[in-house]
Structure formats: C-alpha cells, structure tokens
C-alpha cells in the first residue's frame, strides 16, 4: 500500500509540473497483487520448513 501511495504522490507532483502522466488502476492492482503473492509465498515457505524442525533446532539455526 505504501508503494501505491508513493507512486500516486510522485504522479501528482509530475502533474503539478505539467508532465503528462496516465494513472492505470489495472497496473496498480496488478503490482499490488504481485507484491502480495510474493510476500505470502516467501513468508510461508520458511515458516513451513521451520514447523518440521525441533523447536530448539529451529530457534538455534541461522
């Protein structure tokens, strides 16, 4: 969400300086969705691997 807000803010600043900017809701949703899926997948994979370990080993490992 922060990235979308920053992007919209930069776009608004560019419009203020009379630079042609076209906002696309589809592109914003696609970028947000990709970031969300990436975060969930790469957060889930290490957590799943850690659940298979002994708690002492999981907390003591790198």
PDB file of N, CA and C in Angstrom:
ATOM      1  N   UNK A   1       0.827  -1.194   0.000  1.00  0.00           N
ATOM      2  CA  UNK A   1       0.000   0.000   0.000  1.00  0.00           C
ATOM      3  C   UNK A   1       0.869   1.255   0.000  1.00  0.00           C
ATOM      4  N   UNK A   2       1.993   1.184   0.708  1.00  0.00           N
ATOM      5  CA  UNK A   2       2.885   2.352   0.772  1.00  0.00           C
ATOM      6  C   UNK A   2       3.432   2.669  -0.611  1.00  0.00           C
ATOM      7  N   UNK A   3       3.784   1.633  -1.372  1.00  0.00           N
ATOM      8  CA  UNK A   3       4.296   1.843  -2.725  1.00  0.00           C
ATOM      9  C   UNK A   3       3.277   2.499  -3.635  1.00  0.00           C
ATOM     10  N   UNK A   4       2.018   2.100  -3.515  1.00  0.00           N
ATOM     11  CA  UNK A   4       0.958   2.712  -4.323  1.00  0.00           C
ATOM     12  C   UNK A   4       0.795   4.176  -3.958  1.00  0.00           C
ATOM     13  N   UNK A   5       0.815   4.476  -2.673  1.00  0.00           N
ATOM     14  CA  UNK A   5       0.668   5.870  -2.224  1.00  0.00           C
ATOM     15  C   UNK A   5       1.851   6.715  -2.695  1.00  0.00           C
ATOM     16  N   UNK A   6       3.053   6.167  -2.598  1.00  0.00           N
ATOM     17  CA  UNK A   6       4.235   6.913  -3.070  1.00  0.00           C
ATOM     18  C   UNK A   6       4.145   7.140  -4.579  1.00  0.00           C
ATOM     19  N   UNK A   7       3.748   6.114  -5.322  1.00  0.00           N
ATOM     20  CA  UNK A   7       3.603   6.261  -6.767  1.00  0.00           C
ATOM     21  C   UNK A   7       2.573   7.305  -7.149  1.00  0.00           C
ATOM     22  N   UNK A   8       1.449   7.305  -6.455  1.00  0.00           N
ATOM     23  CA  UNK A   8       0.422   8.317  -6.723  1.00  0.00           C
ATOM     24  C   UNK A   8       0.907   9.715  -6.358  1.00  0.00           C
ATOM     25  N   UNK A   9       1.671   9.818  -5.288  1.00  0.00           N
ATOM     26  CA  UNK A   9       2.218  11.115  -4.881  1.00  0.00           C
ATOM     27  C   UNK A   9       3.209  11.646  -5.916  1.00  0.00           C
ATOM     28  N   UNK A  10       4.074  10.766  -6.400  1.00  0.00           N
ATOM     29  CA  UNK A  10       5.020  11.193  -7.433  1.00  0.00           C
ATOM     30  C   UNK A  10       4.276  11.584  -8.705  1.00  0.00           C
ATOM     31  N   UNK A  11       3.259  10.819  -9.059  1.00  0.00           N
ATOM     32  CA  UNK A  11       2.447  11.162 -10.223  1.00  0.00           C
ATOM     33  C   UNK A  11       1.762  12.505 -10.064  1.00  0.00           C
ATOM     34  N   UNK A  12       1.257  12.790  -8.870  1.00  0.00           N
ATOM     35  CA  UNK A  12       0.611  14.087  -8.622  1.00  0.00           C
ATOM     36  C   UNK A  12       1.621  15.221  -8.723  1.00  0.00           C
ATOM     37  N   UNK A  13       2.848  14.994  -8.241  1.00  0.00           N
ATOM     38  CA  UNK A  13       3.894  16.017  -8.347  1.00  0.00           C
ATOM     39  C   UNK A  13       4.252  16.264  -9.810  1.00  0.00           C
ATOM     40  N   UNK A  14       4.316  15.208 -10.600  1.00  0.00           N
ATOM     41  CA  UNK A  14       4.617  15.371 -12.017  1.00  0.00           C
ATOM     42  C   UNK A  14       3.508  16.121 -12.747  1.00  0.00           C
ATOM     43  N   UNK A  15       2.268  15.839 -12.380  1.00  0.00           N
ATOM     44  CA  UNK A  15       1.147  16.586 -12.968  1.00  0.00           C
ATOM     45  C   UNK A  15       1.237  18.055 -12.586  1.00  0.00           C
ATOM     46  N   UNK A  16       1.640  18.328 -11.361  1.00  0.00           N
ATOM     47  CA  UNK A  16       1.811  19.711 -10.917  1.00  0.00           C
ATOM     48  C   UNK A  16       2.841  20.436 -11.777  1.00  0.00           C
ATOM     49  N   UNK A  17       3.893  19.705 -12.207  1.00  0.00           N
ATOM     50  CA  UNK A  17       4.923  20.302 -13.058  1.00  0.00           C
ATOM     51  C   UNK A  17       4.588  20.164 -14.544  1.00  0.00           C
ATOM     52  N   UNK A  18       3.325  19.849 -14.813  1.00  0.00           N
ATOM     53  CA  UNK A  18       2.777  19.779 -16.177  1.00  0.00           C
ATOM     54  C   UNK A  18       3.426  18.696 -17.032  1.00  0.00           C
ATOM     55  N   UNK A  19       3.758  17.585 -16.419  1.00  0.00           N
ATOM     56  CA  UNK A  19       4.249  16.417 -17.139  1.00  0.00           C
ATOM     57  C   UNK A  19       3.056  15.486 -17.353  1.00  0.00           C
ATOM     58  N   UNK A  20       2.916  14.966 -18.567  1.00  0.00           N
ATOM     59  CA  UNK A  20       1.795  14.084 -18.865  1.00  0.00           C
ATOM     60  C   UNK A  20       1.963  12.753 -18.125  1.00  0.00           C
ATOM     61  N   UNK A  21       0.999  12.424 -17.286  1.00  0.00           N
ATOM     62  CA  UNK A  21       1.015  11.174 -16.520  1.00  0.00           C
ATOM     63  C   UNK A  21      -0.347  10.514 -16.686  1.00  0.00           C
ATOM     64  N   UNK A  22      -0.324   9.205 -16.941  1.00  0.00           N
ATOM     65  CA  UNK A  22      -1.571   8.459 -17.064  1.00  0.00           C
ATOM     66  C   UNK A  22      -1.595   7.417 -15.948  1.00  0.00           C
ATOM     67  N   UNK A  23      -2.589   7.499 -15.084  1.00  0.00           N
ATOM     68  CA  UNK A  23      -2.740   6.534 -14.000  1.00  0.00           C
ATOM     69  C   UNK A  23      -3.572   5.362 -14.501  1.00  0.00           C
ATOM     70  N   UNK A  24      -3.148   4.146 -14.175  1.00  0.00           N
ATOM     71  CA  UNK A  24      -3.863   2.943 -14.562  1.00  0.00           C
ATOM     72  C   UNK A  24      -4.182   2.137 -13.307  1.00  0.00           C
ATOM     73  N   UNK A  25      -5.452   2.028 -13.019  1.00  0.00           N
ATOM     74  CA  UNK A  25      -5.872   1.262 -11.842  1.00  0.00           C
ATOM     75  C   UNK A  25      -5.495  -0.209 -12.024  1.00  0.00           C
ATOM     76  N   UNK A  26      -5.616  -0.716 -13.245  1.00  0.00           N
ATOM     77  CA  UNK A  26      -5.269  -2.103 -13.521  1.00  0.00           C
ATOM     78  C   UNK A  26      -3.799  -2.372 -13.189  1.00  0.00           C
ATOM     79  N   UNK A  27      -2.905  -1.474 -13.598  1.00  0.00           N
ATOM     80  CA  UNK A  27      -1.476  -1.643 -13.317  1.00  0.00           C
ATOM     81  C   UNK A  27      -1.205  -1.576 -11.812  1.00  0.00           C
ATOM     82  N   UNK A  28      -1.893  -0.691 -11.114  1.00  0.00           N
ATOM     83  CA  UNK A  28      -1.714  -0.589  -9.661  1.00  0.00           C
ATOM     84  C   UNK A  28      -2.164  -1.871  -8.964  1.00  0.00           C
ATOM     85  N   UNK A  29      -3.304  -2.400  -9.366  1.00  0.00           N
ATOM     86  CA  UNK A  29      -3.810  -3.633  -8.766  1.00  0.00           C
ATOM     87  C   UNK A  29      -2.903  -4.818  -9.083  1.00  0.00           C
ATOM     88  N   UNK A  30      -2.400  -4.871 -10.307  1.00  0.00           N
ATOM     89  CA  UNK A  30      -1.505  -5.954 -10.696  1.00  0.00           C
ATOM     90  C   UNK A  30      -0.197  -5.899  -9.906  1.00  0.00           C
ATOM     91  N   UNK A  31       0.378  -4.718  -9.761  1.00  0.00           N
ATOM     92  CA  UNK A  31       1.617  -4.571  -8.994  1.00  0.00           C
ATOM     93  C   UNK A  31       1.392  -4.925  -7.524  1.00  0.00           C
ATOM     94  N   UNK A  32       0.287  -4.463  -6.953  1.00  0.00           N
ATOM     95  CA  UNK A  32      -0.033  -4.775  -5.567  1.00  0.00           C
ATOM     96  C   UNK A  32      -0.246  -6.277  -5.386  1.00  0.00           C
ATOM     97  N   UNK A  33      -0.953  -6.901  -6.323  1.00  0.00           N
ATOM     98  CA  UNK A  33      -1.204  -8.339  -6.250  1.00  0.00           C
ATOM     99  C   UNK A  33       0.079  -9.151  -6.334  1.00  0.00           C
ATOM    100  N   UNK A  34       0.981  -8.763  -7.242  1.00  0.00           N
ATOM    101  CA  UNK A  34       2.263  -9.467  -7.365  1.00  0.00           C
ATOM    102  C   UNK A  34       3.085  -9.339  -6.088  1.00  0.00           C
ATOM    103  N   UNK A  35       3.118  -8.157  -5.509  1.00  0.00           N
ATOM    104  CA  UNK A  35       3.868  -7.948  -4.267  1.00  0.00           C
ATOM    105  C   UNK A  35       3.243  -8.758  -3.125  1.00  0.00           C
ATOM    106  N   UNK A  36       1.934  -8.807  -3.080  1.00  0.00           N
ATOM    107  CA  UNK A  36       1.238  -9.557  -2.040  1.00  0.00           C
ATOM    108  C   UNK A  36       1.525 -11.052  -2.158  1.00  0.00           C
ATOM    109  N   UNK A  37       1.416 -11.594  -3.366  1.00  0.00           N
ATOM    110  CA  UNK A  37       1.657 -13.022  -3.574  1.00  0.00           C
ATOM    111  C   UNK A  37       3.114 -13.366  -3.271  1.00  0.00           C
ATOM    112  N   UNK A  38       4.045 -12.529  -3.716  1.00  0.00           N
ATOM    113  CA  UNK A  38       5.464 -12.769  -3.446  1.00  0.00           C
ATOM    114  C   UNK A  38       5.729 -12.791  -1.943  1.00  0.00           C
ATOM    115  N   UNK A  39       5.175 -11.826  -1.217  1.00  0.00           N
ATOM    116  CA  UNK A  39       5.358 -11.774   0.235  1.00  0.00           C
ATOM    117  C   UNK A  39       4.775 -12.979   0.933  1.00  0.00           C
ATOM    118  N   UNK A  40       3.603 -13.411   0.505  1.00  0.00           N
ATOM    119  CA  UNK A  40       2.972 -14.569   1.135  1.00  0.00           C
ATOM    120  C   UNK A  40       3.739 -15.857   0.853  1.00  0.00           C
ATOM    121  N   UNK A  41       4.155 -16.049  -0.394  1.00  0.00           N
ATOM    122  CA  UNK A  41       4.867 -17.279  -0.752  1.00  0.00           C
ATOM    123  C   UNK A  41       6.201 -17.354  -0.038  1.00  0.00           C
ATOM    124  N   UNK A  42       6.985 -16.273  -0.091  1.00  0.00           N
ATOM    125  CA  UNK A  42       8.314 -16.326   0.505  1.00  0.00           C
ATOM    126  C   UNK A  42       8.283 -16.142   2.026  1.00  0.00           C
ATOM    127  N   UNK A  43       7.153 -15.832   2.598  1.00  0.00           N
ATOM    128  CA  UNK A  43       6.992 -15.860   4.042  1.00  0.00           C
ATOM    129  C   UNK A  43       6.511 -17.228   4.516  1.00  0.00           C
ATOM    130  N   UNK A  44       5.711 -17.877   3.687  1.00  0.00           N
ATOM    131  CA  UNK A  44       5.147 -19.177   4.039  1.00  0.00           C
ATOM    132  C   UNK A  44       6.182 -20.295   3.946  1.00  0.00           C
ATOM    133  N   UNK A  45       7.025 -20.256   2.920  1.00  0.00           N
ATOM    134  CA  UNK A  45       7.982 -21.351   2.700  1.00  0.00           C
ATOM    135  C   UNK A  45       8.938 -21.559   3.880  1.00  0.00           C
ATOM    136  N   UNK A  46       9.604 -20.521   4.414  1.00  0.00           N
ATOM    137  CA  UNK A  46      10.477 -20.748   5.576  1.00  0.00           C
ATOM    138  C   UNK A  46       9.685 -21.150   6.833  1.00  0.00           C
ATOM    139  N   UNK A  47       8.491 -20.615   6.994  1.00  0.00           N
ATOM    140  CA  UNK A  47       7.681 -20.970   8.162  1.00  0.00           C
ATOM    141  C   UNK A  47       7.277 -22.439   8.100  1.00  0.00           C
ATOM    142  N   UNK A  48       6.953 -22.916   6.905  1.00  0.00           N
ATOM    143  CA  UNK A  48       6.580 -24.318   6.743  1.00  0.00           C
ATOM    144  C   UNK A  48       7.769 -25.238   7.034  1.00  0.00           C
ATOM    145  N   UNK A  49       8.947 -24.824   6.553  1.00  0.00           N
ATOM    146  CA  UNK A  49      10.151 -25.620   6.825  1.00  0.00           C
ATOM    147  C   UNK A  49      10.472 -25.621   8.318  1.00  0.00           C
ATOM    148  N   UNK A  50      10.245 -24.516   8.996  1.00  0.00           N
ATOM    149  CA  UNK A  50      10.544 -24.425  10.426  1.00  0.00           C
ATOM    150  C   UNK A  50       9.596 -25.278  11.260  1.00  0.00           C
ATOM    151  N   UNK A  51       8.367 -25.466  10.794  1.00  0.00           N
ATOM    152  CA  UNK A  51       7.424 -26.290  11.559  1.00  0.00           C
ATOM    153  C   UNK A  51       7.821 -27.757  11.577  1.00  0.00           C
ATOM    154  N   UNK A  52       8.639 -28.179  10.609  1.00  0.00           N
ATOM    155  CA  UNK A  52       9.080 -29.566  10.551  1.00  0.00           C
ATOM    156  C   UNK A  52      10.282 -29.835  11.451  1.00  0.00           C
ATOM    157  N   UNK A  53      10.882 -28.798  12.004  1.00  0.00           N
ATOM    158  CA  UNK A  53      12.060 -28.956  12.830  1.00  0.00           C
ATOM    159  C   UNK A  53      11.709 -29.010  14.311  1.00  0.00           C
ATOM    160  N   UNK A  54      12.629 -29.518  15.089  1.00  0.00           N
ATOM    161  CA  UNK A  54      12.526 -29.471  16.540  1.00  0.00           C
ATOM    162  C   UNK A  54      12.609 -27.990  16.951  1.00  0.00           C
ATOM    163  N   UNK A  55      11.794 -27.517  17.903  1.00  0.00           N
ATOM    164  CA  UNK A  55      11.819 -26.099  18.263  1.00  0.00           C
ATOM    165  C   UNK A  55      13.211 -25.574  18.652  1.00  0.00           C
ATOM    166  N   UNK A  56      14.007 -26.368  19.330  1.00  0.00           N
ATOM    167  CA  UNK A  56      15.344 -25.947  19.725  1.00  0.00           C
ATOM    168  C   UNK A  56      16.217 -25.744  18.498  1.00  0.00           C
ATOM    169  N   UNK A  57      16.124 -26.645  17.535  1.00  0.00           N
ATOM    170  CA  UNK A  57      16.901 -26.552  16.298  1.00  0.00           C
ATOM    171  C   UNK A  57      16.425 -25.358  15.469  1.00  0.00           C
ATOM    172  N   UNK A  58      15.109 -25.156  15.383  1.00  0.00           N
ATOM    173  CA  UNK A  58      14.565 -24.057  14.588  1.00  0.00           C
ATOM    174  C   UNK A  58      14.976 -22.694  15.135  1.00  0.00           C
ATOM    175  N   UNK A  59      14.978 -22.544  16.450  1.00  0.00           N
ATOM    176  CA  UNK A  59      15.356 -21.265  17.046  1.00  0.00           C
ATOM    177  C   UNK A  59      16.866 -21.064  17.082  1.00  0.00           C
ATOM    178  N   UNK A  60      17.627 -22.127  17.102  1.00  0.00           N
ATOM    179  CA  UNK A  60      19.070 -22.016  17.191  1.00  0.00           C
ATOM    180  C   UNK A  60      19.765 -21.934  15.841  1.00  0.00           C
ATOM    181  N   UNK A  61      19.059 -22.247  14.758  1.00  0.00           N
ATOM    182  CA  UNK A  61      19.663 -22.240  13.426  1.00  0.00           C
ATOM    183  C   UNK A  61      19.762 -20.838  12.850  1.00  0.00           C
ATOM    184  N   UNK A  62      20.361 -20.789  11.693  1.00  0.00           N
ATOM    185  CA  UNK A  62      20.548 -19.486  11.042  1.00  0.00           C
ATOM    186  C   UNK A  62      19.271 -19.025  10.415  1.00  0.00           C
TER     187      UNK A  62
END
